[in-house]
Every structure is written in structure tokens, then in C-alpha cells.
Amino acid sequence: MFVKSLPNFLLISLLSLLLSSAAYAAAGGVPGAPPGAGGGKPPPTATQCKNGWTLTPVATGPALNFGAFSIEAGTGSLTMNSGAVVSPAGQIVISSTVVPTTLSVQLTNTNTACAVVSSIINVSPAVATLTSGAATMPLSMVMTDSESQFIGTTLPVTITPAALPITFTFHGVLNTAFPQTSGAYTLAHSVDVTPTGAANLSVASTATATSLAPMGISETIAMDFGTVAGSSTASTVILDTLGGRTVTAGAQIMAAGPGTAGNFQITGEPNLTYTLLITGPAVLMNAGGQQITVTTFTNNSTGAVPATGIELFQVGATLHLGPLQAAGTYSTTLGGTPYTVTVNYN
């Protein structure tokens, strides 16, 4: 009798355990887990979540700033990606004097189980225009989120966070046209997020960009080595930035007085630095087609636009005479190749 009752006891115990597990699972629990473990609570309602939402700026993306630039002609644009890298289109020169930044904000809730709640995201004003006095630059703002639901998407959008916190990064395209008045351009705006069933959350910010006066350069006095003579071997005449001349390998200076260094004038935004590039060689030619080469250019520019917005500087170089160089007047205007001087903001 005892042997026959054992299977009945085991069967009853097994059925009892299965019924207990099914009842616990129906209540939202995990079989075999202690009460409250494994997501035993039902998800919170929108009402329960509504007072826990927060929207705050992220320190690494405090405000939208397109940096500093100048436009030389026509129309152009500055496109910033979510990594704050700005790509210019058109005759635009970007300066490194101002570091571009995106605007990033973070949405979270004190109860992270509130994640699956739709949120409407927008920026205000809807028509974005940066201004500096009466001058304007239109801005098209877009958004990228940390969950990659949206990448460079125009606003407004509705997003459903899969997990909290979630970060929204704002960037976009800034449009400009020559002549763009120089100065600091700003736009006061806000980022607004409205989770379902909750009050609107808002972060105020300011978008900025700096328009620089285009750099200009002009030659005011042409470089002139004066009257010189070569020798039976290759020789050189070196012209410094003050107009002084020295010779090598038997070359001779045939007329008294200094030569003339090339004189240039730079105009630009006061107190900003720039890079100057001289490209050669230059080739001088006479009426008979004989040539002389000019290399090794020097200059005495300072690399910074003074407070007046105008800088004057000089360019020197080395003239290379061939053995028994043919007599004549040599110039880049007789079919030779001039040197070029280029300046750009740093």
C-alpha cells in the first residue's frame, strides 16, 4: 500500500507547484523568484511618471555655436554635424579662433521604468534666424538622438525612448551671403520636450556665429631687383625685405642705391592672426624669350592684423642669373610667371 501511495503524493506535489507558479506569473512575477524581483511590479502609468521628468543641458554641448568664418563672394553655408564638425560650402574661409559646439540636452525620469513614453520634441522659434543688428543669417536646425532613432532630422518629431537617460543633440545648417556684415550673431531659442501626459519641459539656449570681415591683400609696389649683371658662371642677387641687395658668384650691381622689395597691404578683422603663403618660383622673361628664375621668398609680415585693420609688409627674394645671362629688361609681364601671396585667417 505504501509503495502505491508514493506516486500519488509526488503527482499532487508537482501539480501544486505548477499551479503556484502559474498564479505568480499571472500576477506579473517570475516563477521561483522572491516577491518584487524580476519585474514583479506592473509598468508605471503616464500619470505616475509625469512628475519625474527632467530636461537638462549637457556640459559637453552647452550651446550651438558655428564658430568664426568669412565669406569672400556669392552665397554659402556652414553645415554642422552632430560631432560639431563644420563643413563650408561656397567661398567661405573658416577661422579656428572660435571652436564650434553643438547643443545637447538630456531627458530622464526619476523612475527609469517610465522609459517607454512618447515625447514630442521641438525648438522655438520655429523660424530660426541669427541676427547682429539689422544683419541676419537663416538657420535650419536638426536633431540627432543618442538612440539613433533620428539622425539629422528636422523638428518637431515624436520619439519613444527605449531606455533612459536619452540625449538629444542639435546642429544644422547656417546660411550666409556676401557681403555678410561682420560681428557676433545670436539667436535666443528653447528646446521643448513634452512627454505624454506630462507638462512641457524646456531648456533655454543661445545659438551663435561670428562673421569676420574677409581678408584682403593687394600689391602696392612691385618687386624690382634693379640693374644687375651676371658673370661667366651662374650667380645670384639676393634682395631683402628692406630693398638691400647682395650678390654671389661674380654677379654685379650696376646701379647705385637699393632695389625695391615687393610691398603689400593686408586688410582684415583687427587683432586676429593669419597665415601667409608665398608661392613660386617666379619666372622673368625678356623680349627675346630668355628667362631668369626668382626663388627663396622672404617677408616681414607679423602674422596678426593690427588694431587698425590694415598691415603693410614687404617681400624679398633671390634672383638666379645664368652664365653670361643675355642683356635686356626682364619682367613677369613679358610672358613670365608671377609669384603669388595668399593670406587666410588662422
Protein backbone atom coordinates (compact mmCIF):
# COMPACT_ATOMS: atom_id res chain seq x y z
CA MET A 1 0.00 0.00 0.00
CA PHE A 2 2.82 2.41 0.84
CA VAL A 3 4.52 1.87 -2.50
CA LYS A 4 1.33 2.66 -4.42
CA SER A 5 0.72 5.89 -2.50
CA LEU A 6 4.14 7.40 -3.27
CA PRO A 7 3.41 8.24 -6.94
CA ASN A 8 0.15 9.89 -5.91
CA PHE A 9 1.99 12.07 -3.41
CA LEU A 10 4.57 13.12 -5.99
CA LEU A 11 1.91 13.89 -8.57
CA ILE A 12 -0.05 16.01 -6.16
CA SER A 13 3.10 17.92 -5.12
CA LEU A 14 4.08 18.58 -8.73
CA LEU A 15 0.62 19.85 -9.67
CA SER A 16 0.64 22.08 -6.63
CA LEU A 17 3.97 23.63 -7.63
CA LEU A 18 2.82 24.23 -11.21
CA LEU A 19 -0.39 25.90 -10.07
CA SER A 20 1.55 28.11 -7.67
CA SER A 21 3.96 29.18 -10.42
CA ALA A 22 1.17 29.93 -12.87
CA ALA A 23 -0.65 32.05 -10.32
CA TYR A 24 2.51 34.04 -9.56
CA ALA A 25 3.27 34.62 -13.25
CA ALA A 26 -0.28 35.84 -13.84
CA ALA A 27 0.33 38.44 -11.15
CA GLY A 28 3.39 39.72 -13.05
CA GLY A 29 6.08 37.84 -11.14
CA VAL A 30 8.84 35.47 -12.10
CA PRO A 31 8.41 31.81 -11.05
CA GLY A 32 10.75 30.88 -8.32
CA ALA A 33 11.84 34.49 -7.61
CA PRO A 34 11.17 36.34 -4.35
CA PRO A 35 8.40 38.96 -4.29
CA GLY A 36 9.39 42.21 -6.07
CA ALA A 37 12.23 40.58 -8.05
CA GLY A 38 12.46 40.24 -11.84
CA GLY A 39 9.96 42.99 -12.72
CA GLY A 40 7.19 41.87 -10.40
CA LYS A 41 5.61 45.35 -10.50
CA PRO A 42 3.46 46.43 -13.44
CA PRO A 43 4.91 49.28 -15.55
CA PRO A 44 4.07 52.76 -14.23
CA THR A 45 1.32 54.74 -15.85
CA ALA A 46 1.83 58.10 -17.55
CA THR A 47 0.22 59.72 -14.52
CA GLN A 48 2.74 58.08 -12.20
CA CYS A 49 5.61 59.22 -14.43
CA LYS A 50 4.56 62.77 -15.18
CA ASN A 51 6.15 64.47 -12.17
CA GLY A 52 9.51 62.72 -12.54
CA TRP A 53 10.61 64.01 -15.96
CA THR A 54 13.64 66.34 -16.23
CA LEU A 55 15.36 68.02 -19.19
CA THR A 56 18.84 69.46 -18.60
CA PRO A 57 21.76 70.77 -20.73
CA VAL A 58 24.76 68.50 -21.22
CA ALA A 59 28.08 70.08 -20.27
CA THR A 60 29.87 68.81 -23.38
CA GLY A 61 27.32 70.52 -25.66
CA PRO A 62 26.30 73.70 -23.83
CA ALA A 63 25.14 75.78 -26.81
CA LEU A 64 25.02 75.78 -30.60
CA ASN A 65 27.99 77.77 -31.94
CA PHE A 66 29.04 77.71 -35.61
CA GLY A 67 32.41 79.34 -34.84
CA ALA A 68 34.01 82.14 -36.86
CA PHE A 69 34.18 82.48 -40.63
CA SER A 70 34.36 84.94 -43.51
CA ILE A 71 32.62 84.76 -46.88
CA GLU A 72 34.57 86.07 -49.85
CA ALA A 73 31.83 86.22 -52.53
CA GLY A 74 28.41 84.90 -53.52
CA THR A 75 26.35 82.73 -51.20
CA GLY A 76 27.45 79.94 -48.91
CA SER A 77 26.56 77.75 -45.98
CA LEU A 78 28.05 76.13 -42.90
CA THR A 79 26.84 72.59 -42.19
CA MET A 80 27.50 71.28 -38.68
CA ASN A 81 27.14 67.57 -37.89
CA SER A 82 26.34 66.02 -34.51
CA GLY A 83 30.07 65.90 -33.73
CA ALA A 84 30.37 69.72 -34.07
CA VAL A 85 32.40 69.42 -37.30
CA VAL A 86 31.57 72.34 -39.61
CA SER A 87 31.83 71.93 -43.40
CA PRO A 88 31.69 75.10 -45.54
CA ALA A 89 30.11 75.39 -48.98
CA GLY A 90 30.87 78.32 -51.28
CA GLN A 91 33.69 80.84 -50.91
CA ILE A 92 33.85 80.59 -47.12
CA VAL A 93 37.00 80.60 -45.00
CA ILE A 94 36.69 79.11 -41.50
CA SER A 95 38.78 80.57 -38.68
CA SER A 96 40.00 78.46 -35.75
CA THR A 97 39.67 81.42 -33.36
CA VAL A 98 36.26 80.13 -32.17
CA VAL A 99 35.63 76.43 -31.53
CA PRO A 100 32.25 75.19 -32.84
CA THR A 101 29.93 73.37 -30.41
CA THR A 102 26.57 71.61 -30.60
CA LEU A 103 23.71 71.95 -28.13
CA SER A 104 22.93 68.75 -26.22
CA VAL A 105 20.16 68.17 -23.67
CA GLN A 106 19.31 65.06 -21.67
CA LEU A 107 15.85 63.70 -20.89
CA THR A 108 15.36 61.35 -17.96
CA ASN A 109 12.92 60.41 -15.22
CA THR A 110 13.38 59.66 -11.54
CA ASN A 111 11.67 56.35 -12.34
CA THR A 112 13.62 54.75 -15.17
CA ALA A 113 10.74 52.34 -15.78
CA CYS A 114 8.98 55.33 -17.37
CA ALA A 115 11.20 54.99 -20.45
CA VAL A 116 8.59 53.81 -22.93
CA VAL A 117 6.67 57.08 -23.11
CA SER A 118 6.30 59.11 -26.32
CA SER A 119 7.83 62.59 -26.23
CA ILE A 120 7.25 65.46 -28.66
CA ILE A 121 10.46 67.44 -29.26
CA ASN A 122 10.61 70.89 -30.84
CA VAL A 123 12.65 74.09 -30.93
CA SER A 124 11.27 77.59 -30.60
CA PRO A 125 11.12 79.90 -32.51
CA ALA A 126 10.15 77.70 -35.44
CA VAL A 127 11.76 80.13 -37.94
CA ALA A 128 15.36 80.41 -36.75
CA THR A 129 17.40 83.47 -37.75
CA LEU A 130 20.64 84.64 -36.16
CA THR A 131 20.91 88.42 -36.01
CA SER A 132 23.55 91.09 -35.49
CA GLY A 133 21.81 94.44 -35.52
CA ALA A 134 19.87 94.53 -38.77
CA ALA A 135 22.00 91.80 -40.40
CA THR A 136 20.67 88.23 -40.45
CA MET A 137 21.69 84.63 -41.15
CA PRO A 138 18.99 81.93 -41.53
CA LEU A 139 19.48 78.72 -39.53
CA SER A 140 17.93 75.31 -40.26
CA MET A 141 18.21 73.31 -37.04
CA VAL A 142 18.10 69.50 -36.93
CA MET A 143 18.39 66.86 -34.21
CA THR A 144 20.23 63.59 -33.62
CA ASP A 145 19.42 61.40 -30.59
CA SER A 146 21.62 59.01 -28.62
CA GLU A 147 19.49 56.00 -29.61
CA SER A 148 19.86 56.80 -33.34
CA GLN A 149 16.12 56.86 -33.89
CA PHE A 150 16.70 60.20 -35.59
CA ILE A 151 19.87 61.39 -37.34
CA GLY A 152 19.88 64.97 -38.63
CA THR A 153 16.07 65.11 -38.57
CA THR A 154 14.07 68.32 -38.84
CA LEU A 155 11.75 69.22 -35.98
CA PRO A 156 9.24 68.68 -34.44
CA VAL A 157 9.40 64.91 -34.03
CA THR A 158 7.86 62.32 -31.68
CA ILE A 159 10.35 59.97 -30.10
CA THR A 160 9.85 56.93 -27.85
CA PRO A 161 12.89 56.39 -25.63
CA ALA A 162 13.81 52.72 -25.24
CA ALA A 163 15.95 53.48 -22.22
CA LEU A 164 16.74 56.46 -20.04
CA PRO A 165 18.55 58.78 -19.97
CA ILE A 166 18.42 59.82 -23.62
CA THR A 167 20.45 62.68 -25.13
CA PHE A 168 19.29 64.97 -27.94
CA THR A 169 21.98 66.85 -29.92
CA PHE A 170 21.05 69.88 -32.01
CA HIS A 171 23.07 71.04 -35.04
CA GLY A 172 22.16 72.18 -38.54
CA VAL A 173 22.90 74.46 -41.49
CA LEU A 174 23.68 78.18 -41.29
CA ASN A 175 23.28 80.20 -44.50
CA THR A 176 25.24 83.33 -45.40
CA ALA A 177 25.80 85.67 -48.33
CA PHE A 178 28.45 88.20 -49.33
CA PRO A 179 28.81 90.84 -48.05
CA GLN A 180 27.89 89.46 -44.62
CA THR A 181 28.21 92.22 -42.04
CA SER A 182 30.97 91.33 -39.59
CA GLY A 183 30.07 90.80 -35.96
CA ALA A 184 28.64 88.33 -33.46
CA TYR A 185 25.28 86.85 -34.49
CA THR A 186 22.92 85.35 -31.91
CA LEU A 187 19.54 83.64 -31.60
CA ALA A 188 17.78 83.11 -28.28
CA HIS A 189 15.79 79.89 -28.51
CA SER A 190 14.49 76.98 -26.46
CA VAL A 191 14.32 73.21 -26.73
CA ASP A 192 10.92 71.90 -25.67
CA VAL A 193 10.05 68.28 -24.82
CA THR A 194 6.55 67.14 -23.86
CA PRO A 195 6.32 63.54 -22.61
CA THR A 196 2.85 62.03 -22.95
CA GLY A 197 0.68 63.01 -20.01
CA ALA A 198 3.33 65.32 -18.56
CA ALA A 199 3.96 69.04 -18.53
CA ASN A 200 6.22 70.67 -21.12
CA LEU A 201 9.92 70.71 -20.29
CA SER A 202 12.10 73.50 -21.67
CA VAL A 203 15.80 74.42 -21.86
CA ALA A 204 16.70 77.97 -22.93
CA SER A 205 19.84 78.47 -25.01
CA THR A 206 21.53 80.84 -27.46
CA ALA A 207 22.83 79.91 -30.91
CA THR A 208 25.80 81.97 -32.08
CA ALA A 209 28.13 82.54 -35.03
CA THR A 210 30.86 85.09 -35.73
CA SER A 211 31.14 86.71 -39.16
CA LEU A 212 34.59 88.11 -39.91
CA ALA A 213 35.49 90.80 -42.41
CA PRO A 214 37.03 88.99 -45.41
CA MET A 215 40.80 89.22 -45.58
CA GLY A 216 42.09 91.31 -48.46
CA ILE A 217 45.56 91.64 -49.94
CA SER A 218 46.94 93.91 -52.63
CA GLU A 219 50.36 94.67 -54.09
CA THR A 220 51.18 98.36 -53.70
CA ILE A 221 54.75 98.34 -55.11
CA ALA A 222 56.17 95.66 -57.42
CA MET A 223 59.44 93.89 -56.61
CA ASP A 224 62.44 95.23 -58.60
CA PHE A 225 66.00 93.89 -58.50
CA GLY A 226 67.31 96.97 -60.33
CA THR A 227 70.12 96.84 -62.91
CA VAL A 228 72.49 93.90 -62.43
CA ALA A 229 74.99 91.88 -64.48
CA GLY A 230 75.89 88.21 -64.36
CA SER A 231 79.23 86.51 -64.93
CA SER A 232 80.63 83.54 -66.79
CA THR A 233 79.11 81.23 -64.15
CA ALA A 234 75.70 81.00 -62.53
CA SER A 235 75.25 83.71 -59.90
CA THR A 236 72.58 85.26 -57.71
CA VAL A 237 71.29 88.60 -56.49
CA ILE A 238 69.59 88.50 -53.09
CA LEU A 239 67.00 91.20 -52.35
CA ASP A 240 65.98 91.60 -48.70
CA THR A 241 62.70 93.00 -47.37
CA LEU A 242 64.25 96.47 -46.92
CA GLY A 243 65.42 96.63 -50.55
CA GLY A 244 69.08 95.86 -49.83
CA ARG A 245 70.94 93.70 -52.38
CA THR A 246 73.83 91.26 -52.04
CA VAL A 247 75.46 89.17 -54.81
CA THR A 248 77.20 85.81 -55.15
CA ALA A 249 79.49 84.09 -57.68
CA GLY A 250 80.54 87.19 -59.57
CA ALA A 251 77.19 88.90 -60.12
CA GLN A 252 77.40 92.72 -60.10
CA ILE A 253 75.08 95.55 -59.12
CA MET A 254 75.32 98.08 -61.94
CA ALA A 255 73.35 100.98 -60.45
CA ALA A 256 73.80 102.61 -57.05
CA GLY A 257 71.04 102.57 -54.46
CA PRO A 258 68.81 99.83 -53.18
CA GLY A 259 66.45 97.62 -55.10
CA THR A 260 62.76 97.56 -54.29
CA ALA A 261 61.14 94.82 -52.25
CA GLY A 262 57.58 93.86 -53.10
CA ASN A 263 55.18 95.93 -50.98
CA PHE A 264 51.79 94.54 -49.91
CA GLN A 265 48.79 95.64 -47.87
CA ILE A 266 46.58 93.30 -45.85
CA THR A 267 43.11 94.23 -44.60
CA GLY A 268 41.10 92.14 -42.15
CA GLU A 269 39.46 91.73 -38.76
CA PRO A 270 41.55 93.61 -36.15
CA ASN A 271 43.63 91.54 -33.72
CA LEU A 272 43.10 88.19 -35.47
CA THR A 273 46.03 86.07 -36.63
CA TYR A 274 46.52 84.85 -40.16
CA THR A 275 48.68 82.53 -42.25
CA LEU A 276 50.65 83.95 -45.19
CA LEU A 277 51.78 81.74 -48.07
CA ILE A 278 54.11 82.80 -50.90
CA THR A 279 54.08 80.50 -53.91
CA GLY A 280 56.84 80.47 -56.50
CA PRO A 281 59.11 80.30 -58.32
CA ALA A 282 58.57 83.41 -60.40
CA VAL A 283 59.92 83.47 -63.92
CA LEU A 284 61.07 86.74 -65.53
CA MET A 285 61.31 86.93 -69.32
CA ASN A 286 62.78 89.43 -71.80
CA ALA A 287 61.59 90.34 -75.28
CA GLY A 288 63.87 87.69 -76.77
CA GLY A 289 62.36 84.90 -74.65
CA GLN A 290 65.35 84.42 -72.33
CA GLN A 291 64.40 83.68 -68.72
CA ILE A 292 65.56 84.36 -65.15
CA THR A 293 64.14 82.47 -62.17
CA VAL A 294 63.29 84.01 -58.78
CA THR A 295 63.05 81.78 -55.66
CA THR A 296 63.52 81.78 -51.86
CA PHE A 297 60.93 84.40 -50.97
CA THR A 298 61.11 86.15 -47.60
CA ASN A 299 58.69 88.53 -45.88
CA ASN A 300 58.41 90.64 -42.75
CA SER A 301 54.68 90.26 -42.02
CA THR A 302 53.69 89.92 -38.36
CA GLY A 303 51.01 87.22 -38.75
CA ALA A 304 48.38 89.32 -36.97
CA VAL A 305 46.05 92.05 -38.21
CA PRO A 306 46.72 95.21 -36.16
CA ALA A 307 44.01 97.19 -34.37
CA THR A 308 43.70 99.47 -37.41
CA GLY A 309 42.64 96.51 -39.58
CA ILE A 310 45.48 97.25 -42.05
CA GLU A 311 49.00 95.81 -42.20
CA LEU A 312 51.81 96.69 -44.60
CA PHE A 313 54.66 94.27 -45.26
CA GLN A 314 57.44 93.60 -47.76
CA VAL A 315 58.63 90.57 -49.72
CA GLY A 316 62.21 89.83 -50.77
CA ALA A 317 63.65 87.01 -52.93
CA THR A 318 66.70 85.59 -54.73
CA LEU A 319 67.32 86.24 -58.47
CA HIS A 320 69.19 83.45 -60.31
CA LEU A 321 71.36 84.62 -63.26
CA GLY A 322 72.61 82.07 -65.74
CA PRO A 323 76.17 82.02 -67.10
CA LEU A 324 76.57 85.01 -69.46
CA GLN A 325 72.91 85.92 -68.97
CA ALA A 326 71.62 87.80 -72.02
CA ALA A 327 71.15 91.55 -71.57
CA GLY A 328 67.66 93.02 -71.56
CA THR A 329 64.72 94.03 -69.43
CA TYR A 330 63.20 91.02 -67.70
CA SER A 331 59.69 91.02 -66.28
CA THR A 332 56.75 88.73 -65.50
CA THR A 333 54.65 90.98 -67.75
CA LEU A 334 56.60 89.84 -70.85
CA GLY A 335 55.36 86.26 -70.69
CA GLY A 336 56.90 85.08 -67.44
CA THR A 337 55.21 83.67 -64.32
CA PRO A 338 54.50 85.87 -61.28
CA TYR A 339 54.70 84.69 -57.67
CA THR A 340 51.54 84.69 -55.58
CA VAL A 341 50.88 85.78 -51.99
CA THR A 342 47.89 84.30 -50.14
CA VAL A 343 46.53 85.15 -46.69
CA ASN A 344 43.87 83.39 -44.62
CA TYR A 345 42.68 83.68 -41.04
CA ASN A 346 44.00 81.03 -38.67
